[in-house]
Amino acid sequence: MENNRRWRPGPPILDMTPEGGFREPAPAPKGWLDRALARVGGVALLLAVAAGGLVVVALAFVLLGLLLPIAIGAALVAFVSIWWRLRRLRGRGASPFVVVRRQGR
């Protein structure tokens, strides 16, 4: 009978302390390839996050480019509307501004 359980299929072994806590497994020895792959993976993750940030910034510029002409057009319509109303009021001799005076107490 072989005592090496990692080669035999079966349920996992839970290694517990007498107090009821779990023991941490011994860290597996890491070779140079594991360390190199971990470092390359970290750099790849950093590049992916940076690329995602650039995509978000690019989308913001695209939306700004689409909304800016609409905002300029709305401002132009508002300006022309106010200008036309002031022109009509001046033509009638009326003041475009109303001053409300309160009675003194």
PDB file of N, CA and C in Angstrom:
ATOM      1  N   MET A   1       0.835  -1.167   0.000  1.00  0.00           N
ATOM      2  CA  MET A   1       0.000   0.000   0.000  1.00  0.00           C
ATOM      3  C   MET A   1       0.888   1.241   0.000  1.00  0.00           C
ATOM      4  N   GLU A   2       0.523   2.178  -0.859  1.00  0.00           N
ATOM      5  CA  GLU A   2       1.344   3.380  -0.995  1.00  0.00           C
ATOM      6  C   GLU A   2       0.747   4.519  -0.168  1.00  0.00           C
ATOM      7  N   ASN A   3       1.585   5.262   0.560  1.00  0.00           N
ATOM      8  CA  ASN A   3       1.102   6.358   1.403  1.00  0.00           C
ATOM      9  C   ASN A   3       1.114   7.704   0.692  1.00  0.00           C
ATOM     10  N   ASN A   4       1.584   7.767  -0.504  1.00  0.00           N
ATOM     11  CA  ASN A   4       1.648   9.020  -1.248  1.00  0.00           C
ATOM     12  C   ASN A   4       0.276   9.301  -1.860  1.00  0.00           C
ATOM     13  N   ARG A   5      -0.513  10.226  -1.269  1.00  0.00           N
ATOM     14  CA  ARG A   5      -1.900  10.452  -1.693  1.00  0.00           C
ATOM     15  C   ARG A   5      -2.016  11.356  -2.915  1.00  0.00           C
ATOM     16  N   ARG A   6      -0.987  12.067  -3.295  1.00  0.00           N
ATOM     17  CA  ARG A   6      -1.159  12.974  -4.423  1.00  0.00           C
ATOM     18  C   ARG A   6      -1.260  12.236  -5.749  1.00  0.00           C
ATOM     19  N   TRP A   7      -0.847  11.003  -5.813  1.00  0.00           N
ATOM     20  CA  TRP A   7      -0.947  10.247  -7.057  1.00  0.00           C
ATOM     21  C   TRP A   7      -2.225   9.422  -7.111  1.00  0.00           C
ATOM     22  N   ARG A   8      -2.929   9.272  -5.988  1.00  0.00           N
ATOM     23  CA  ARG A   8      -4.166   8.501  -5.961  1.00  0.00           C
ATOM     24  C   ARG A   8      -5.362   9.444  -5.956  1.00  0.00           C
ATOM     25  N   PRO A   9      -6.355   9.171  -6.771  1.00  0.00           N
ATOM     26  CA  PRO A   9      -7.563  10.004  -6.718  1.00  0.00           C
ATOM     27  C   PRO A   9      -8.326   9.715  -5.434  1.00  0.00           C
ATOM     28  N   GLY A  10      -9.026  10.722  -4.942  1.00  0.00           N
ATOM     29  CA  GLY A  10      -9.804  10.553  -3.732  1.00  0.00           C
ATOM     30  C   GLY A  10     -10.173  11.902  -3.153  1.00  0.00           C
ATOM     31  N   PRO A  11     -10.840  11.893  -2.030  1.00  0.00           N
ATOM     32  CA  PRO A  11     -11.244  13.169  -1.436  1.00  0.00           C
ATOM     33  C   PRO A  11     -10.027  13.915  -0.910  1.00  0.00           C
ATOM     34  N   PRO A  12     -10.143  15.244  -0.825  1.00  0.00           N
ATOM     35  CA  PRO A  12      -9.022  16.026  -0.315  1.00  0.00           C
ATOM     36  C   PRO A  12      -8.824  15.771   1.175  1.00  0.00           C
ATOM     37  N   ILE A  13      -7.608  15.924   1.625  1.00  0.00           N
ATOM     38  CA  ILE A  13      -7.274  15.742   3.033  1.00  0.00           C
ATOM     39  C   ILE A  13      -7.260  17.112   3.689  1.00  0.00           C
ATOM     40  N   LEU A  14      -8.044  17.268   4.759  1.00  0.00           N
ATOM     41  CA  LEU A  14      -8.059  18.510   5.511  1.00  0.00           C
ATOM     42  C   LEU A  14      -7.116  18.368   6.694  1.00  0.00           C
ATOM     43  N   ASP A  15      -6.086  19.165   6.707  1.00  0.00           N
ATOM     44  CA  ASP A  15      -5.094  19.110   7.773  1.00  0.00           C
ATOM     45  C   ASP A  15      -5.467  20.169   8.809  1.00  0.00           C
ATOM     46  N   MET A  16      -5.960  19.721   9.972  1.00  0.00           N
ATOM     47  CA  MET A  16      -6.440  20.640  10.997  1.00  0.00           C
ATOM     48  C   MET A  16      -5.611  20.518  12.268  1.00  0.00           C
ATOM     49  N   THR A  17      -5.579  21.608  13.013  1.00  0.00           N
ATOM     50  CA  THR A  17      -4.907  21.608  14.315  1.00  0.00           C
ATOM     51  C   THR A  17      -5.867  21.038  15.365  1.00  0.00           C
ATOM     52  N   PRO A  18      -5.372  20.664  16.525  1.00  0.00           N
ATOM     53  CA  PRO A  18      -6.269  20.165  17.579  1.00  0.00           C
ATOM     54  C   PRO A  18      -7.298  21.194  18.047  1.00  0.00           C
ATOM     55  N   GLU A  19      -7.009  22.502  17.870  1.00  0.00           N
ATOM     56  CA  GLU A  19      -7.954  23.540  18.276  1.00  0.00           C
ATOM     57  C   GLU A  19      -9.061  23.734  17.248  1.00  0.00           C
ATOM     58  N   GLY A  20      -8.955  23.153  16.086  1.00  0.00           N
ATOM     59  CA  GLY A  20      -9.987  23.268  15.051  1.00  0.00           C
ATOM     60  C   GLY A  20      -9.644  24.207  13.921  1.00  0.00           C
ATOM     61  N   GLY A  21      -8.441  24.784  13.900  1.00  0.00           N
ATOM     62  CA  GLY A  21      -8.038  25.657  12.799  1.00  0.00           C
ATOM     63  C   GLY A  21      -7.365  24.857  11.701  1.00  0.00           C
ATOM     64  N   PHE A  22      -7.252  25.457  10.562  1.00  0.00           N
ATOM     65  CA  PHE A  22      -6.604  24.798   9.431  1.00  0.00           C
ATOM     66  C   PHE A  22      -5.130  25.132   9.412  1.00  0.00           C
ATOM     67  N   ARG A  23      -4.335  24.169   9.035  1.00  0.00           N
ATOM     68  CA  ARG A  23      -2.902  24.396   8.881  1.00  0.00           C
ATOM     69  C   ARG A  23      -2.638  24.911   7.475  1.00  0.00           C
ATOM     70  N   GLU A  24      -1.681  25.778   7.399  1.00  0.00           N
ATOM     71  CA  GLU A  24      -1.282  26.294   6.090  1.00  0.00           C
ATOM     72  C   GLU A  24      -0.393  25.269   5.408  1.00  0.00           C
ATOM     73  N   PRO A  25      -0.632  25.031   4.121  1.00  0.00           N
ATOM     74  CA  PRO A  25       0.247  24.091   3.433  1.00  0.00           C
ATOM     75  C   PRO A  25       1.648  24.677   3.294  1.00  0.00           C
ATOM     76  N   ALA A  26       2.620  23.804   3.247  1.00  0.00           N
ATOM     77  CA  ALA A  26       4.003  24.244   3.073  1.00  0.00           C
ATOM     78  C   ALA A  26       4.155  24.848   1.686  1.00  0.00           C
ATOM     79  N   PRO A  27       4.808  25.990   1.597  1.00  0.00           N
ATOM     80  CA  PRO A  27       4.958  26.596   0.273  1.00  0.00           C
ATOM     81  C   PRO A  27       5.795  25.705  -0.631  1.00  0.00           C
ATOM     82  N   ALA A  28       5.336  25.608  -1.865  1.00  0.00           N
ATOM     83  CA  ALA A  28       6.059  24.798  -2.839  1.00  0.00           C
ATOM     84  C   ALA A  28       7.339  25.523  -3.230  1.00  0.00           C
ATOM     85  N   PRO A  29       8.413  24.814  -3.397  1.00  0.00           N
ATOM     86  CA  PRO A  29       9.651  25.477  -3.818  1.00  0.00           C
ATOM     87  C   PRO A  29       9.487  26.038  -5.227  1.00  0.00           C
ATOM     88  N   LYS A  30       9.922  27.279  -5.402  1.00  0.00           N
ATOM     89  CA  LYS A  30       9.781  27.942  -6.696  1.00  0.00           C
ATOM     90  C   LYS A  30      11.111  27.935  -7.410  1.00  0.00           C
ATOM     91  N   GLY A  31      11.028  27.601  -8.670  1.00  0.00           N
ATOM     92  CA  GLY A  31      12.226  27.614  -9.500  1.00  0.00           C
ATOM     93  C   GLY A  31      12.356  28.937 -10.220  1.00  0.00           C
ATOM     94  N   TRP A  32      13.376  29.054 -11.012  1.00  0.00           N
ATOM     95  CA  TRP A  32      13.625  30.306 -11.731  1.00  0.00           C
ATOM     96  C   TRP A  32      12.528  30.564 -12.756  1.00  0.00           C
ATOM     97  N   LEU A  33      11.943  29.503 -13.330  1.00  0.00           N
ATOM     98  CA  LEU A  33      10.887  29.693 -14.332  1.00  0.00           C
ATOM     99  C   LEU A  33       9.622  30.259 -13.684  1.00  0.00           C
ATOM    100  N   ASP A  34       9.281  29.769 -12.488  1.00  0.00           N
ATOM    101  CA  ASP A  34       8.108  30.288 -11.788  1.00  0.00           C
ATOM    102  C   ASP A  34       8.275  31.763 -11.450  1.00  0.00           C
ATOM    103  N   ARG A  35       9.442  32.137 -10.981  1.00  0.00           N
ATOM    104  CA  ARG A  35       9.691  33.546 -10.646  1.00  0.00           C
ATOM    105  C   ARG A  35       9.643  34.419 -11.903  1.00  0.00           C
ATOM    106  N   ALA A  36      10.204  33.928 -13.001  1.00  0.00           N
ATOM    107  CA  ALA A  36      10.206  34.705 -14.246  1.00  0.00           C
ATOM    108  C   ALA A  36       8.782  34.858 -14.776  1.00  0.00           C
ATOM    109  N   LEU A  37       8.005  33.788 -14.738  1.00  0.00           N
ATOM    110  CA  LEU A  37       6.629  33.871 -15.227  1.00  0.00           C
ATOM    111  C   LEU A  37       5.776  34.778 -14.339  1.00  0.00           C
ATOM    112  N   ALA A  38       6.015  34.765 -13.038  1.00  0.00           N
ATOM    113  CA  ALA A  38       5.280  35.652 -12.150  1.00  0.00           C
ATOM    114  C   ALA A  38       5.609  37.115 -12.453  1.00  0.00           C
ATOM    115  N   ARG A  39       6.871  37.390 -12.709  1.00  0.00           N
ATOM    116  CA  ARG A  39       7.264  38.765 -13.027  1.00  0.00           C
ATOM    117  C   ARG A  39       6.690  39.207 -14.376  1.00  0.00           C
ATOM    118  N   VAL A  40       6.734  38.324 -15.381  1.00  0.00           N
ATOM    119  CA  VAL A  40       6.171  38.656 -16.695  1.00  0.00           C
ATOM    120  C   VAL A  40       4.664  38.829 -16.589  1.00  0.00           C
ATOM    121  N   GLY A  41       4.007  37.991 -15.776  1.00  0.00           N
ATOM    122  CA  GLY A  41       2.562  38.134 -15.582  1.00  0.00           C
ATOM    123  C   GLY A  41       2.201  39.444 -14.913  1.00  0.00           C
ATOM    124  N   GLY A  42       3.010  39.877 -13.950  1.00  0.00           N
ATOM    125  CA  GLY A  42       2.759  41.159 -13.298  1.00  0.00           C
ATOM    126  C   GLY A  42       2.900  42.326 -14.263  1.00  0.00           C
ATOM    127  N   VAL A  43       3.908  42.273 -15.108  1.00  0.00           N
ATOM    128  CA  VAL A  43       4.100  43.336 -16.108  1.00  0.00           C
ATOM    129  C   VAL A  43       2.952  43.322 -17.104  1.00  0.00           C
ATOM    130  N   ALA A  44       2.498  42.120 -17.508  1.00  0.00           N
ATOM    131  CA  ALA A  44       1.383  42.026 -18.452  1.00  0.00           C
ATOM    132  C   ALA A  44       0.101  42.588 -17.834  1.00  0.00           C
ATOM    133  N   LEU A  45      -0.131  42.324 -16.555  1.00  0.00           N
ATOM    134  CA  LEU A  45      -1.308  42.869 -15.882  1.00  0.00           C
ATOM    135  C   LEU A  45      -1.237  44.387 -15.813  1.00  0.00           C
ATOM    136  N   LEU A  46      -0.072  44.922 -15.507  1.00  0.00           N
ATOM    137  CA  LEU A  46       0.103  46.372 -15.457  1.00  0.00           C
ATOM    138  C   LEU A  46      -0.158  47.003 -16.828  1.00  0.00           C
ATOM    139  N   LEU A  47       0.343  46.383 -17.882  1.00  0.00           N
ATOM    140  CA  LEU A  47       0.097  46.894 -19.234  1.00  0.00           C
ATOM    141  C   LEU A  47      -1.376  46.813 -19.611  1.00  0.00           C
ATOM    142  N   ALA A  48      -2.056  45.749 -19.184  1.00  0.00           N
ATOM    143  CA  ALA A  48      -3.484  45.613 -19.490  1.00  0.00           C
ATOM    144  C   ALA A  48      -4.295  46.699 -18.783  1.00  0.00           C
ATOM    145  N   VAL A  49      -3.957  47.004 -17.539  1.00  0.00           N
ATOM    146  CA  VAL A  49      -4.659  48.063 -16.807  1.00  0.00           C
ATOM    147  C   VAL A  49      -4.392  49.420 -17.463  1.00  0.00           C
ATOM    148  N   ALA A  50      -3.165  49.667 -17.858  1.00  0.00           N
ATOM    149  CA  ALA A  50      -2.835  50.934 -18.525  1.00  0.00           C
ATOM    150  C   ALA A  50      -3.569  51.054 -19.858  1.00  0.00           C
ATOM    151  N   ALA A  51      -3.627  49.968 -20.619  1.00  0.00           N
ATOM    152  CA  ALA A  51      -4.345  49.999 -21.897  1.00  0.00           C
ATOM    153  C   ALA A  51      -5.836  50.227 -21.671  1.00  0.00           C
ATOM    154  N   GLY A  52      -6.398  49.621 -20.633  1.00  0.00           N
ATOM    155  CA  GLY A  52      -7.812  49.856 -20.320  1.00  0.00           C
ATOM    156  C   GLY A  52      -8.062  51.305 -19.954  1.00  0.00           C
ATOM    157  N   GLY A  53      -7.152  51.913 -19.206  1.00  0.00           N
ATOM    158  CA  GLY A  53      -7.291  53.326 -18.876  1.00  0.00           C
ATOM    159  C   GLY A  53      -7.233  54.213 -20.114  1.00  0.00           C
ATOM    160  N   LEU A  54      -6.350  53.869 -21.034  1.00  0.00           N
ATOM    161  CA  LEU A  54      -6.274  54.644 -22.277  1.00  0.00           C
ATOM    162  C   LEU A  54      -7.538  54.499 -23.112  1.00  0.00           C
ATOM    163  N   VAL A  55      -8.132  53.318 -23.094  1.00  0.00           N
ATOM    164  CA  VAL A  55      -9.392  53.120 -23.824  1.00  0.00           C
ATOM    165  C   VAL A  55     -10.490  53.992 -23.215  1.00  0.00           C
ATOM    166  N   VAL A  56     -10.551  54.067 -21.890  1.00  0.00           N
ATOM    167  CA  VAL A  56     -11.560  54.902 -21.236  1.00  0.00           C
ATOM    168  C   VAL A  56     -11.341  56.376 -21.586  1.00  0.00           C
ATOM    169  N   VAL A  57     -10.099  56.816 -21.590  1.00  0.00           N
ATOM    170  CA  VAL A  57      -9.803  58.210 -21.946  1.00  0.00           C
ATOM    171  C   VAL A  57     -10.171  58.473 -23.408  1.00  0.00           C
ATOM    172  N   ALA A  58      -9.878  57.531 -24.277  1.00  0.00           N
ATOM    173  CA  ALA A  58     -10.220  57.700 -25.691  1.00  0.00           C
ATOM    174  C   ALA A  58     -11.737  57.779 -25.888  1.00  0.00           C
ATOM    175  N   LEU A  59     -12.483  56.949 -25.165  1.00  0.00           N
ATOM    176  CA  LEU A  59     -13.946  57.015 -25.260  1.00  0.00           C
ATOM    177  C   LEU A  59     -14.472  58.344 -24.739  1.00  0.00           C
ATOM    178  N   ALA A  60     -13.850  58.876 -23.698  1.00  0.00           N
ATOM    179  CA  ALA A  60     -14.266  60.177 -23.185  1.00  0.00           C
ATOM    180  C   ALA A  60     -14.048  61.267 -24.230  1.00  0.00           C
ATOM    181  N   PHE A  61     -12.917  61.214 -24.931  1.00  0.00           N
ATOM    182  CA  PHE A  61     -12.670  62.202 -25.982  1.00  0.00           C
ATOM    183  C   PHE A  61     -13.650  62.050 -27.134  1.00  0.00           C
ATOM    184  N   VAL A  62     -14.000  60.827 -27.487  1.00  0.00           N
ATOM    185  CA  VAL A  62     -14.966  60.614 -28.569  1.00  0.00           C
ATOM    186  C   VAL A  62     -16.321  61.177 -28.175  1.00  0.00           C
ATOM    187  N   LEU A  63     -16.766  60.892 -26.943  1.00  0.00           N
ATOM    188  CA  LEU A  63     -18.052  61.426 -26.490  1.00  0.00           C
ATOM    189  C   LEU A  63     -18.022  62.943 -26.404  1.00  0.00           C
ATOM    190  N   LEU A  64     -16.904  63.494 -25.951  1.00  0.00           N
ATOM    191  CA  LEU A  64     -16.775  64.950 -25.915  1.00  0.00           C
ATOM    192  C   LEU A  64     -16.849  65.524 -27.329  1.00  0.00           C
ATOM    193  N   GLY A  65     -16.200  64.858 -28.267  1.00  0.00           N
ATOM    194  CA  GLY A  65     -16.240  65.316 -29.654  1.00  0.00           C
ATOM    195  C   GLY A  65     -17.632  65.235 -30.254  1.00  0.00           C
ATOM    196  N   LEU A  66     -18.439  64.261 -29.803  1.00  0.00           N
ATOM    197  CA  LEU A  66     -19.810  64.158 -30.311  1.00  0.00           C
ATOM    198  C   LEU A  66     -20.745  65.155 -29.635  1.00  0.00           C
ATOM    199  N   LEU A  67     -20.527  65.432 -28.356  1.00  0.00           N
ATOM    200  CA  LEU A  67     -21.434  66.306 -27.623  1.00  0.00           C
ATOM    201  C   LEU A  67     -21.091  67.785 -27.756  1.00  0.00           C
ATOM    202  N   LEU A  68     -19.858  68.095 -28.062  1.00  0.00           N
ATOM    203  CA  LEU A  68     -19.456  69.501 -28.159  1.00  0.00           C
ATOM    204  C   LEU A  68     -20.224  70.261 -29.247  1.00  0.00           C
ATOM    205  N   PRO A  69     -20.382  69.730 -30.458  1.00  0.00           N
ATOM    206  CA  PRO A  69     -21.177  70.467 -31.456  1.00  0.00           C
ATOM    207  C   PRO A  69     -22.635  70.660 -31.030  1.00  0.00           C
ATOM    208  N   ILE A  70     -23.195  69.697 -30.316  1.00  0.00           N
ATOM    209  CA  ILE A  70     -24.571  69.843 -29.844  1.00  0.00           C
ATOM    210  C   ILE A  70     -24.655  70.965 -28.819  1.00  0.00           C
ATOM    211  N   ALA A  71     -23.693  71.027 -27.906  1.00  0.00           N
ATOM    212  CA  ALA A  71     -23.685  72.085 -26.896  1.00  0.00           C
ATOM    213  C   ALA A  71     -23.476  73.452 -27.542  1.00  0.00           C
ATOM    214  N   ILE A  72     -22.602  73.534 -28.530  1.00  0.00           N
ATOM    215  CA  ILE A  72     -22.375  74.812 -29.221  1.00  0.00           C
ATOM    216  C   ILE A  72     -23.631  75.233 -29.969  1.00  0.00           C
ATOM    217  N   GLY A  73     -24.300  74.287 -30.609  1.00  0.00           N
ATOM    218  CA  GLY A  73     -25.552  74.601 -31.324  1.00  0.00           C
ATOM    219  C   GLY A  73     -26.640  75.078 -30.380  1.00  0.00           C
ATOM    220  N   ALA A  74     -26.789  74.425 -29.227  1.00  0.00           N
ATOM    221  CA  ALA A  74     -27.801  74.848 -28.247  1.00  0.00           C
ATOM    222  C   ALA A  74     -27.479  76.239 -27.714  1.00  0.00           C
ATOM    223  N   ALA A  75     -26.213  76.518 -27.453  1.00  0.00           N
ATOM    224  CA  ALA A  75     -25.828  77.852 -26.982  1.00  0.00           C
ATOM    225  C   ALA A  75     -26.101  78.910 -28.047  1.00  0.00           C
ATOM    226  N   LEU A  76     -25.866  78.580 -29.306  1.00  0.00           N
ATOM    227  CA  LEU A  76     -26.125  79.525 -30.391  1.00  0.00           C
ATOM    228  C   LEU A  76     -27.617  79.812 -30.519  1.00  0.00           C
ATOM    229  N   VAL A  77     -28.448  78.790 -30.400  1.00  0.00           N
ATOM    230  CA  VAL A  77     -29.897  78.987 -30.462  1.00  0.00           C
ATOM    231  C   VAL A  77     -30.363  79.859 -29.303  1.00  0.00           C
ATOM    232  N   ALA A  78     -29.833  79.606 -28.101  1.00  0.00           N
ATOM    233  CA  ALA A  78     -30.215  80.417 -26.942  1.00  0.00           C
ATOM    234  C   ALA A  78     -29.771  81.868 -27.122  1.00  0.00           C
ATOM    235  N   PHE A  79     -28.562  82.081 -27.638  1.00  0.00           N
ATOM    236  CA  PHE A  79     -28.069  83.438 -27.862  1.00  0.00           C
ATOM    237  C   PHE A  79     -28.942  84.185 -28.863  1.00  0.00           C
ATOM    238  N   VAL A  80     -29.275  83.543 -29.969  1.00  0.00           N
ATOM    239  CA  VAL A  80     -30.100  84.196 -31.000  1.00  0.00           C
ATOM    240  C   VAL A  80     -31.486  84.504 -30.450  1.00  0.00           C
ATOM    241  N   SER A  81     -32.051  83.592 -29.652  1.00  0.00           N
ATOM    242  CA  SER A  81     -33.372  83.821 -29.075  1.00  0.00           C
ATOM    243  C   SER A  81     -33.364  85.027 -28.136  1.00  0.00           C
ATOM    244  N   ILE A  82     -32.376  85.105 -27.266  1.00  0.00           N
ATOM    245  CA  ILE A  82     -32.291  86.241 -26.342  1.00  0.00           C
ATOM    246  C   ILE A  82     -32.007  87.530 -27.106  1.00  0.00           C
ATOM    247  N   TRP A  83     -31.150  87.474 -28.094  1.00  0.00           N
ATOM    248  CA  TRP A  83     -30.831  88.662 -28.892  1.00  0.00           C
ATOM    249  C   TRP A  83     -32.088  89.172 -29.604  1.00  0.00           C
ATOM    250  N   TRP A  84     -32.890  88.268 -30.150  1.00  0.00           N
ATOM    251  CA  TRP A  84     -34.095  88.664 -30.871  1.00  0.00           C
ATOM    252  C   TRP A  84     -35.119  89.297 -29.925  1.00  0.00           C
ATOM    253  N   ARG A  85     -35.280  88.739 -28.732  1.00  0.00           N
ATOM    254  CA  ARG A  85     -36.224  89.302 -27.766  1.00  0.00           C
ATOM    255  C   ARG A  85     -35.783  90.696 -27.311  1.00  0.00           C
ATOM    256  N   LEU A  86     -34.471  90.860 -27.047  1.00  0.00           N
ATOM    257  CA  LEU A  86     -33.979  92.187 -26.658  1.00  0.00           C
ATOM    258  C   LEU A  86     -34.168  93.190 -27.786  1.00  0.00           C
ATOM    259  N   ARG A  87     -33.981  92.807 -29.013  1.00  0.00           N
ATOM    260  CA  ARG A  87     -34.149  93.696 -30.174  1.00  0.00           C
ATOM    261  C   ARG A  87     -35.599  94.145 -30.303  1.00  0.00           C
ATOM    262  N   ARG A  88     -36.527  93.224 -30.098  1.00  0.00           N
ATOM    263  CA  ARG A  88     -37.955  93.564 -30.185  1.00  0.00           C
ATOM    264  C   ARG A  88     -38.354  94.503 -29.042  1.00  0.00           C
ATOM    265  N   LEU A  89     -37.813  94.255 -27.830  1.00  0.00           N
ATOM    266  CA  LEU A  89     -38.150  95.131 -26.709  1.00  0.00           C
ATOM    267  C   LEU A  89     -37.595  96.536 -26.920  1.00  0.00           C
ATOM    268  N   ARG A  90     -36.380  96.641 -27.434  1.00  0.00           N
ATOM    269  CA  ARG A  90     -35.806  97.962 -27.698  1.00  0.00           C
ATOM    270  C   ARG A  90     -36.590  98.710 -28.777  1.00  0.00           C
ATOM    271  N   GLY A  91     -37.122  97.960 -29.755  1.00  0.00           N
ATOM    272  CA  GLY A  91     -37.914  98.579 -30.822  1.00  0.00           C
ATOM    273  C   GLY A  91     -39.197  99.186 -30.287  1.00  0.00           C
ATOM    274  N   ARG A  92     -39.752  98.613 -29.236  1.00  0.00           N
ATOM    275  CA  ARG A  92     -40.965  99.145 -28.634  1.00  0.00           C
ATOM    276  C   ARG A  92     -40.661 100.214 -27.583  1.00  0.00           C
ATOM    277  N   GLY A  93     -39.402 100.421 -27.292  1.00  0.00           N
ATOM    278  CA  GLY A  93     -39.015 101.430 -26.314  1.00  0.00           C
ATOM    279  C   GLY A  93     -39.093 100.928 -24.887  1.00  0.00           C
ATOM    280  N   ALA A  94     -39.242  99.663 -24.699  1.00  0.00           N
ATOM    281  CA  ALA A  94     -39.346  99.110 -23.351  1.00  0.00           C
ATOM    282  C   ALA A  94     -37.956  98.725 -22.864  1.00  0.00           C
ATOM    283  N   SER A  95     -37.826  98.689 -21.564  1.00  0.00           N
ATOM    284  CA  SER A  95     -36.564  98.283 -20.974  1.00  0.00           C
ATOM    285  C   SER A  95     -36.524  96.755 -20.878  1.00  0.00           C
ATOM    286  N   PRO A  96     -35.415  96.164 -21.248  1.00  0.00           N
ATOM    287  CA  PRO A  96     -35.352  94.701 -21.169  1.00  0.00           C
ATOM    288  C   PRO A  96     -35.210  94.188 -19.739  1.00  0.00           C
ATOM    289  N   PHE A  97     -34.895  95.082 -18.821  1.00  0.00           N
ATOM    290  CA  PHE A  97     -34.685  94.668 -17.439  1.00  0.00           C
ATOM    291  C   PHE A  97     -35.789  95.259 -16.573  1.00  0.00           C
ATOM    292  N   VAL A  98     -36.282  94.459 -15.664  1.00  0.00           N
ATOM    293  CA  VAL A  98     -37.342  94.893 -14.749  1.00  0.00           C
ATOM    294  C   VAL A  98     -36.718  95.071 -13.378  1.00  0.00           C
ATOM    295  N   VAL A  99     -36.934  96.236 -12.798  1.00  0.00           N
ATOM    296  CA  VAL A  99     -36.428  96.522 -11.458  1.00  0.00           C
ATOM    297  C   VAL A  99     -37.621  96.522 -10.518  1.00  0.00           C
ATOM    298  N   VAL A 100     -37.573  95.685  -9.504  1.00  0.00           N
ATOM    299  CA  VAL A 100     -38.637  95.625  -8.523  1.00  0.00           C
ATOM    300  C   VAL A 100     -38.140  96.302  -7.265  1.00  0.00           C
ATOM    301  N   ARG A 101     -38.874  97.339  -6.833  1.00  0.00           N
ATOM    302  CA  ARG A 101     -38.504  98.071  -5.639  1.00  0.00           C
ATOM    303  C   ARG A 101     -39.465  97.711  -4.526  1.00  0.00           C
ATOM    304  N   ARG A 102     -38.901  97.399  -3.369  1.00  0.00           N
ATOM    305  CA  ARG A 102     -39.740  97.079  -2.228  1.00  0.00           C
ATOM    306  C   ARG A 102     -40.036  98.340  -1.437  1.00  0.00           C
ATOM    307  N   GLN A 103     -41.217  98.389  -0.880  1.00  0.00           N
ATOM    308  CA  GLN A 103     -41.602  99.518  -0.051  1.00  0.00           C
ATOM    309  C   GLN A 103     -40.850  99.426   1.272  1.00  0.00           C
ATOM    310  N   GLY A 104     -40.353 100.547   1.744  1.00  0.00           N
ATOM    311  CA  GLY A 104     -39.654 100.589   3.014  1.00  0.00           C
ATOM    312  C   GLY A 104     -40.580 100.307   4.192  1.00  0.00           C
ATOM    313  N   ARG A 105     -40.074  99.744   5.247  1.00  0.00           N
ATOM    314  CA  ARG A 105     -40.906  99.419   6.402  1.00  0.00           C
ATOM    315  C   ARG A 105     -40.925 100.520   7.381  1.00  0.00           C
TER     316      ARG A 105
END
